[in-house]
N, C-alpha and C. Protein backbone atom coordinates (compact mmCIF):
# COMPACT_ATOMS: atom_id res chain seq x y z
N MET A 1 -9.93 12.48 5.94
CA MET A 1 -11.15 12.01 5.34
C MET A 1 -11.61 10.71 5.97
N THR A 2 -10.83 10.16 6.88
CA THR A 2 -11.20 8.94 7.56
C THR A 2 -12.32 9.23 8.55
N SER A 3 -13.39 8.47 8.44
CA SER A 3 -14.50 8.68 9.36
C SER A 3 -14.39 7.73 10.53
N MET A 4 -15.18 7.97 11.54
CA MET A 4 -15.15 7.16 12.74
C MET A 4 -15.54 5.72 12.45
N ALA A 5 -16.52 5.51 11.57
CA ALA A 5 -17.00 4.16 11.28
C ALA A 5 -15.93 3.33 10.57
N GLU A 6 -15.09 3.96 9.75
CA GLU A 6 -14.04 3.22 9.06
C GLU A 6 -13.09 2.58 10.07
N SER A 7 -12.82 3.28 11.15
CA SER A 7 -11.88 2.76 12.13
C SER A 7 -12.48 1.57 12.88
N GLU A 8 -13.81 1.39 12.81
CA GLU A 8 -14.45 0.26 13.46
C GLU A 8 -14.21 -1.03 12.68
N CYS A 9 -13.91 -0.93 11.38
CA CYS A 9 -13.70 -2.10 10.55
C CYS A 9 -12.22 -2.48 10.63
N ALA A 10 -11.92 -3.54 11.36
CA ALA A 10 -10.53 -3.96 11.57
C ALA A 10 -9.89 -4.43 10.28
N VAL A 11 -10.67 -5.09 9.42
CA VAL A 11 -10.11 -5.59 8.16
C VAL A 11 -9.70 -4.42 7.27
N PHE A 12 -10.54 -3.39 7.20
CA PHE A 12 -10.22 -2.21 6.39
C PHE A 12 -8.95 -1.57 6.92
N LYS A 13 -8.85 -1.43 8.23
CA LYS A 13 -7.67 -0.80 8.82
C LYS A 13 -6.41 -1.62 8.51
N LYS A 14 -6.52 -2.95 8.61
CA LYS A 14 -5.38 -3.82 8.32
C LYS A 14 -4.96 -3.68 6.86
N LEU A 15 -5.95 -3.68 5.95
CA LEU A 15 -5.65 -3.55 4.53
C LEU A 15 -5.07 -2.18 4.20
N LYS A 16 -5.59 -1.14 4.84
CA LYS A 16 -5.09 0.22 4.61
C LYS A 16 -3.65 0.34 5.11
N ASP A 17 -3.35 -0.26 6.26
CA ASP A 17 -1.98 -0.25 6.78
C ASP A 17 -1.04 -0.97 5.82
N ARG A 18 -1.49 -2.12 5.29
CA ARG A 18 -0.68 -2.87 4.32
C ARG A 18 -0.43 -2.03 3.07
N GLU A 19 -1.49 -1.35 2.61
CA GLU A 19 -1.35 -0.51 1.42
C GLU A 19 -0.37 0.64 1.70
N ASP A 20 -0.49 1.27 2.85
CA ASP A 20 0.40 2.38 3.19
C ASP A 20 1.86 1.93 3.28
N ARG A 21 2.10 0.75 3.88
CA ARG A 21 3.47 0.24 3.97
C ARG A 21 4.03 -0.05 2.59
N ALA A 22 3.19 -0.64 1.73
CA ALA A 22 3.65 -0.96 0.37
C ALA A 22 3.94 0.31 -0.41
N HIS A 23 3.11 1.33 -0.22
CA HIS A 23 3.33 2.60 -0.91
C HIS A 23 4.61 3.26 -0.42
N SER A 24 4.85 3.19 0.88
CA SER A 24 6.08 3.76 1.44
C SER A 24 7.30 3.06 0.88
N ALA A 25 7.23 1.74 0.78
CA ALA A 25 8.37 0.98 0.23
C ALA A 25 8.59 1.33 -1.23
N TRP A 26 7.51 1.50 -1.96
CA TRP A 26 7.61 1.80 -3.39
C TRP A 26 8.23 3.17 -3.62
N THR A 27 7.87 4.14 -2.80
CA THR A 27 8.35 5.51 -3.01
C THR A 27 9.60 5.85 -2.20
N SER A 28 10.04 4.96 -1.34
CA SER A 28 11.15 5.29 -0.44
C SER A 28 12.46 5.52 -1.19
N HIS A 29 12.58 5.00 -2.40
CA HIS A 29 13.83 5.20 -3.14
C HIS A 29 14.10 6.67 -3.41
N LEU A 30 13.07 7.49 -3.38
CA LEU A 30 13.25 8.92 -3.62
C LEU A 30 13.99 9.61 -2.48
N PHE A 31 13.86 9.05 -1.28
CA PHE A 31 14.41 9.70 -0.09
C PHE A 31 15.52 8.89 0.57
N ARG A 32 15.87 7.77 0.00
CA ARG A 32 16.83 6.86 0.61
C ARG A 32 18.26 7.37 0.44
N ASN A 33 19.01 7.33 1.51
CA ASN A 33 20.45 7.62 1.42
C ASN A 33 21.15 6.33 1.04
N GLU A 34 21.90 6.38 0.00
CA GLU A 34 22.56 5.17 -0.49
C GLU A 34 23.80 4.87 0.35
N VAL A 35 23.71 3.86 1.21
CA VAL A 35 24.86 3.41 1.97
C VAL A 35 25.26 2.02 1.51
N LYS A 36 24.38 1.37 0.76
CA LYS A 36 24.67 0.05 0.20
C LYS A 36 25.27 0.23 -1.18
N PRO A 37 25.90 -0.81 -1.70
CA PRO A 37 26.38 -0.73 -3.08
C PRO A 37 25.19 -0.46 -4.01
N ARG A 38 25.38 0.41 -4.96
CA ARG A 38 24.30 0.76 -5.88
C ARG A 38 23.94 -0.44 -6.75
N LEU A 39 22.65 -0.56 -7.00
CA LEU A 39 22.16 -1.63 -7.87
C LEU A 39 22.37 -1.22 -9.33
N SER A 40 22.44 -2.22 -10.18
CA SER A 40 22.49 -1.91 -11.61
C SER A 40 21.14 -1.34 -12.01
N GLU A 41 21.09 -0.68 -13.15
CA GLU A 41 19.83 -0.10 -13.62
C GLU A 41 18.77 -1.18 -13.80
N LYS A 42 19.16 -2.32 -14.32
CA LYS A 42 18.22 -3.42 -14.53
C LYS A 42 17.66 -3.92 -13.20
N ALA A 43 18.53 -4.11 -12.22
CA ALA A 43 18.11 -4.57 -10.90
C ALA A 43 17.23 -3.53 -10.21
N LYS A 44 17.57 -2.25 -10.39
CA LYS A 44 16.79 -1.17 -9.80
C LYS A 44 15.37 -1.15 -10.38
N ARG A 45 15.27 -1.30 -11.71
CA ARG A 45 13.95 -1.33 -12.36
C ARG A 45 13.13 -2.52 -11.89
N LYS A 46 13.79 -3.68 -11.76
CA LYS A 46 13.09 -4.89 -11.32
C LYS A 46 12.58 -4.70 -9.89
N HIS A 47 13.42 -4.14 -9.02
CA HIS A 47 13.04 -3.91 -7.63
C HIS A 47 11.87 -2.94 -7.55
N GLN A 48 11.92 -1.86 -8.30
CA GLN A 48 10.84 -0.89 -8.30
C GLN A 48 9.54 -1.49 -8.83
N LYS A 49 9.65 -2.33 -9.85
CA LYS A 49 8.47 -2.98 -10.41
C LYS A 49 7.82 -3.89 -9.37
N GLU A 50 8.65 -4.65 -8.63
CA GLU A 50 8.12 -5.52 -7.60
C GLU A 50 7.43 -4.73 -6.50
N GLU A 51 8.02 -3.61 -6.09
CA GLU A 51 7.42 -2.78 -5.05
C GLU A 51 6.12 -2.14 -5.55
N MET A 52 6.09 -1.70 -6.82
CA MET A 52 4.89 -1.12 -7.39
C MET A 52 3.78 -2.16 -7.45
N GLU A 53 4.10 -3.38 -7.85
CA GLU A 53 3.10 -4.44 -7.94
C GLU A 53 2.56 -4.80 -6.55
N ALA A 54 3.40 -4.81 -5.54
CA ALA A 54 2.95 -5.08 -4.17
C ALA A 54 1.97 -4.00 -3.72
N TYR A 55 2.28 -2.74 -4.04
CA TYR A 55 1.37 -1.64 -3.69
C TYR A 55 0.05 -1.79 -4.43
N GLN A 56 0.10 -2.11 -5.73
CA GLN A 56 -1.13 -2.25 -6.51
C GLN A 56 -2.00 -3.37 -5.96
N GLN A 57 -1.39 -4.49 -5.57
CA GLN A 57 -2.16 -5.60 -4.99
C GLN A 57 -2.81 -5.19 -3.68
N ALA A 58 -2.07 -4.48 -2.84
CA ALA A 58 -2.61 -4.03 -1.55
C ALA A 58 -3.76 -3.05 -1.78
N HIS A 59 -3.60 -2.16 -2.73
CA HIS A 59 -4.64 -1.17 -3.03
C HIS A 59 -5.90 -1.86 -3.54
N LYS A 60 -5.74 -2.82 -4.46
CA LYS A 60 -6.90 -3.54 -4.99
C LYS A 60 -7.60 -4.34 -3.90
N ALA A 61 -6.83 -4.95 -3.00
CA ALA A 61 -7.43 -5.72 -1.91
C ALA A 61 -8.27 -4.82 -1.01
N ARG A 62 -7.74 -3.63 -0.70
CA ARG A 62 -8.49 -2.71 0.16
C ARG A 62 -9.76 -2.24 -0.55
N LEU A 63 -9.67 -1.91 -1.83
CA LEU A 63 -10.85 -1.47 -2.57
C LEU A 63 -11.90 -2.57 -2.67
N ALA A 64 -11.45 -3.79 -2.94
CA ALA A 64 -12.38 -4.92 -3.02
C ALA A 64 -13.08 -5.13 -1.69
N HIS A 65 -12.34 -5.02 -0.61
CA HIS A 65 -12.93 -5.18 0.72
C HIS A 65 -13.96 -4.09 0.98
N SER A 66 -13.60 -2.85 0.68
CA SER A 66 -14.50 -1.74 0.99
C SER A 66 -15.79 -1.80 0.17
N LYS A 67 -15.78 -2.51 -0.96
CA LYS A 67 -16.99 -2.65 -1.77
C LYS A 67 -17.91 -3.74 -1.26
N THR A 68 -17.40 -4.65 -0.43
CA THR A 68 -18.20 -5.78 0.04
C THR A 68 -18.48 -5.76 1.53
N CYS A 69 -17.77 -4.95 2.28
CA CYS A 69 -17.92 -4.91 3.74
C CYS A 69 -19.10 -4.02 4.13
N PRO A 70 -20.04 -4.53 4.92
CA PRO A 70 -21.17 -3.69 5.33
C PRO A 70 -20.76 -2.46 6.13
N ILE A 71 -19.74 -2.58 6.94
CA ILE A 71 -19.29 -1.42 7.74
C ILE A 71 -18.72 -0.35 6.82
N CYS A 72 -17.88 -0.77 5.87
CA CYS A 72 -17.27 0.18 4.96
C CYS A 72 -18.31 0.78 4.01
N LEU A 73 -19.27 -0.04 3.58
CA LEU A 73 -20.31 0.47 2.68
C LEU A 73 -21.19 1.50 3.36
N SER A 74 -21.40 1.34 4.65
CA SER A 74 -22.24 2.30 5.37
C SER A 74 -21.56 3.66 5.51
N ASN A 75 -20.26 3.72 5.25
CA ASN A 75 -19.52 4.98 5.35
C ASN A 75 -19.62 5.81 4.08
N LEU A 76 -20.07 5.20 2.99
CA LEU A 76 -20.13 5.93 1.72
C LEU A 76 -21.25 6.86 1.66
């Protein structure tokens, strides 16, 4: 669904990459092979909450940018 004009906006691309990395970190626990000592349930929940919040911040930043950027607005 990415259009050619979106790729012209470097800020959008940077924010989208940040969002994608944060989302990958947040969901990676589903596919991770545990080679480290397991975290306690409390520590695991705290870690997941931090990763989820990082993803939410990245997502909000990208959405806020796309609402104010003339290049991104022209793609709608």
